[in-house]
């Protein structure tokens, strides 16, 4: 699904019949991975 980090995505996906859905677990994990990545690059 697209827009998995946007809490409003599920409603918009249903409203416009698009493959949009929020996923709290994926949102949390992606933010943690991004922080780890940027932490490694910008020491």
N, C-alpha and C. Protein backbone atom coordinates (compact mmCIF):
# COMPACT_ATOMS: atom_id res chain seq x y z
N UNK A 1 0.83 -1.20 0.00
CA UNK A 1 0.00 0.00 0.00
C UNK A 1 0.87 1.26 0.00
N UNK A 2 0.36 2.27 -0.59
CA UNK A 2 1.06 3.55 -0.62
C UNK A 2 0.60 4.40 0.57
N UNK A 3 1.42 5.37 0.93
CA UNK A 3 1.11 6.34 1.99
C UNK A 3 0.98 5.70 3.36
N UNK A 4 1.76 4.64 3.61
CA UNK A 4 1.61 3.91 4.87
C UNK A 4 2.05 4.71 6.09
N UNK A 5 2.73 5.84 5.90
CA UNK A 5 3.14 6.66 7.04
C UNK A 5 2.18 7.82 7.31
N UNK A 6 1.14 7.93 6.52
CA UNK A 6 0.17 9.02 6.67
C UNK A 6 -1.09 8.50 7.37
N UNK A 7 -1.34 8.94 8.61
CA UNK A 7 -2.51 8.45 9.34
C UNK A 7 -3.85 8.72 8.64
N UNK A 8 -3.90 9.65 7.73
CA UNK A 8 -5.14 9.96 7.01
C UNK A 8 -5.29 9.14 5.73
N UNK A 9 -4.32 8.31 5.40
CA UNK A 9 -4.31 7.60 4.13
C UNK A 9 -5.47 6.63 3.97
N UNK A 10 -5.81 5.90 5.02
CA UNK A 10 -6.86 4.90 4.90
C UNK A 10 -8.19 5.53 4.48
N UNK A 11 -8.53 6.62 5.12
CA UNK A 11 -9.77 7.31 4.78
C UNK A 11 -9.77 7.84 3.36
N UNK A 12 -8.66 8.43 2.95
CA UNK A 12 -8.57 8.96 1.58
C UNK A 12 -8.60 7.83 0.56
N UNK A 13 -7.95 6.72 0.88
CA UNK A 13 -7.97 5.57 -0.02
C UNK A 13 -9.38 5.06 -0.24
N UNK A 14 -10.14 4.97 0.84
CA UNK A 14 -11.53 4.52 0.73
C UNK A 14 -12.37 5.54 -0.02
N UNK A 15 -12.14 6.81 0.29
CA UNK A 15 -12.92 7.88 -0.34
C UNK A 15 -12.72 7.91 -1.86
N UNK A 16 -11.48 7.74 -2.30
CA UNK A 16 -11.18 7.85 -3.72
C UNK A 16 -10.90 6.51 -4.40
N UNK A 17 -11.13 5.42 -3.66
CA UNK A 17 -10.91 4.06 -4.19
C UNK A 17 -9.49 3.90 -4.73
N UNK A 18 -8.52 4.27 -3.89
CA UNK A 18 -7.10 4.18 -4.22
C UNK A 18 -6.41 3.22 -3.26
N UNK A 19 -5.29 2.64 -3.66
CA UNK A 19 -4.57 1.73 -2.78
C UNK A 19 -3.74 2.48 -1.74
N UNK A 20 -4.43 3.16 -0.84
CA UNK A 20 -3.79 3.92 0.23
C UNK A 20 -4.23 3.34 1.56
N UNK A 21 -3.29 3.20 2.48
CA UNK A 21 -3.65 2.74 3.81
C UNK A 21 -2.52 3.04 4.79
N UNK A 22 -2.88 3.52 5.95
CA UNK A 22 -1.92 3.76 7.01
C UNK A 22 -1.59 2.43 7.68
N UNK A 23 -0.31 2.26 8.03
CA UNK A 23 0.14 1.06 8.73
C UNK A 23 1.05 1.52 9.86
N UNK A 24 0.54 1.53 11.08
CA UNK A 24 1.29 2.06 12.23
C UNK A 24 2.60 1.31 12.45
N UNK A 25 2.58 0.00 12.32
CA UNK A 25 3.81 -0.79 12.53
C UNK A 25 4.87 -0.45 11.48
N UNK A 26 4.46 -0.38 10.23
CA UNK A 26 5.39 -0.03 9.16
C UNK A 26 5.89 1.41 9.32
N UNK A 27 5.03 2.30 9.76
CA UNK A 27 5.41 3.69 9.99
C UNK A 27 6.50 3.77 11.05
N UNK A 28 6.29 3.10 12.17
CA UNK A 28 7.26 3.11 13.26
C UNK A 28 8.58 2.49 12.82
N UNK A 29 8.51 1.37 12.14
CA UNK A 29 9.71 0.68 11.70
C UNK A 29 10.48 1.51 10.68
N UNK A 30 9.79 2.12 9.74
CA UNK A 30 10.49 2.91 8.72
C UNK A 30 11.17 4.13 9.32
N UNK A 31 10.52 4.75 10.29
CA UNK A 31 11.15 5.90 10.95
C UNK A 31 12.38 5.49 11.74
N UNK A 32 12.32 4.34 12.39
CA UNK A 32 13.48 3.84 13.14
C UNK A 32 14.64 3.50 12.20
N UNK A 33 14.33 2.88 11.07
CA UNK A 33 15.37 2.54 10.09
C UNK A 33 15.98 3.80 9.48
N UNK A 34 15.16 4.80 9.20
CA UNK A 34 15.67 6.05 8.65
C UNK A 34 16.58 6.74 9.65
N UNK A 35 16.19 6.76 10.92
CA UNK A 35 17.02 7.37 11.96
C UNK A 35 18.35 6.64 12.09
N UNK A 36 18.32 5.32 12.02
CA UNK A 36 19.55 4.53 12.09
C UNK A 36 20.45 4.83 10.89
N UNK A 37 19.86 4.90 9.71
CA UNK A 37 20.60 5.18 8.49
C UNK A 37 21.26 6.57 8.56
N UNK A 38 20.48 7.59 8.89
CA UNK A 38 21.03 8.94 8.95
C UNK A 38 22.05 9.08 10.08
N UNK A 39 21.82 8.37 11.19
CA UNK A 39 22.79 8.38 12.28
C UNK A 39 24.13 7.82 11.86
N UNK A 40 24.11 6.80 11.02
CA UNK A 40 25.36 6.20 10.54
C UNK A 40 26.08 7.11 9.54
N UNK A 41 25.32 7.81 8.73
CA UNK A 41 25.92 8.67 7.73
C UNK A 41 26.44 9.99 8.32
N UNK A 42 25.67 10.58 9.21
CA UNK A 42 26.01 11.89 9.76
C UNK A 42 26.53 11.79 11.19
N UNK A 43 27.54 10.98 11.40
CA UNK A 43 28.11 10.82 12.74
C UNK A 43 28.71 12.09 13.24
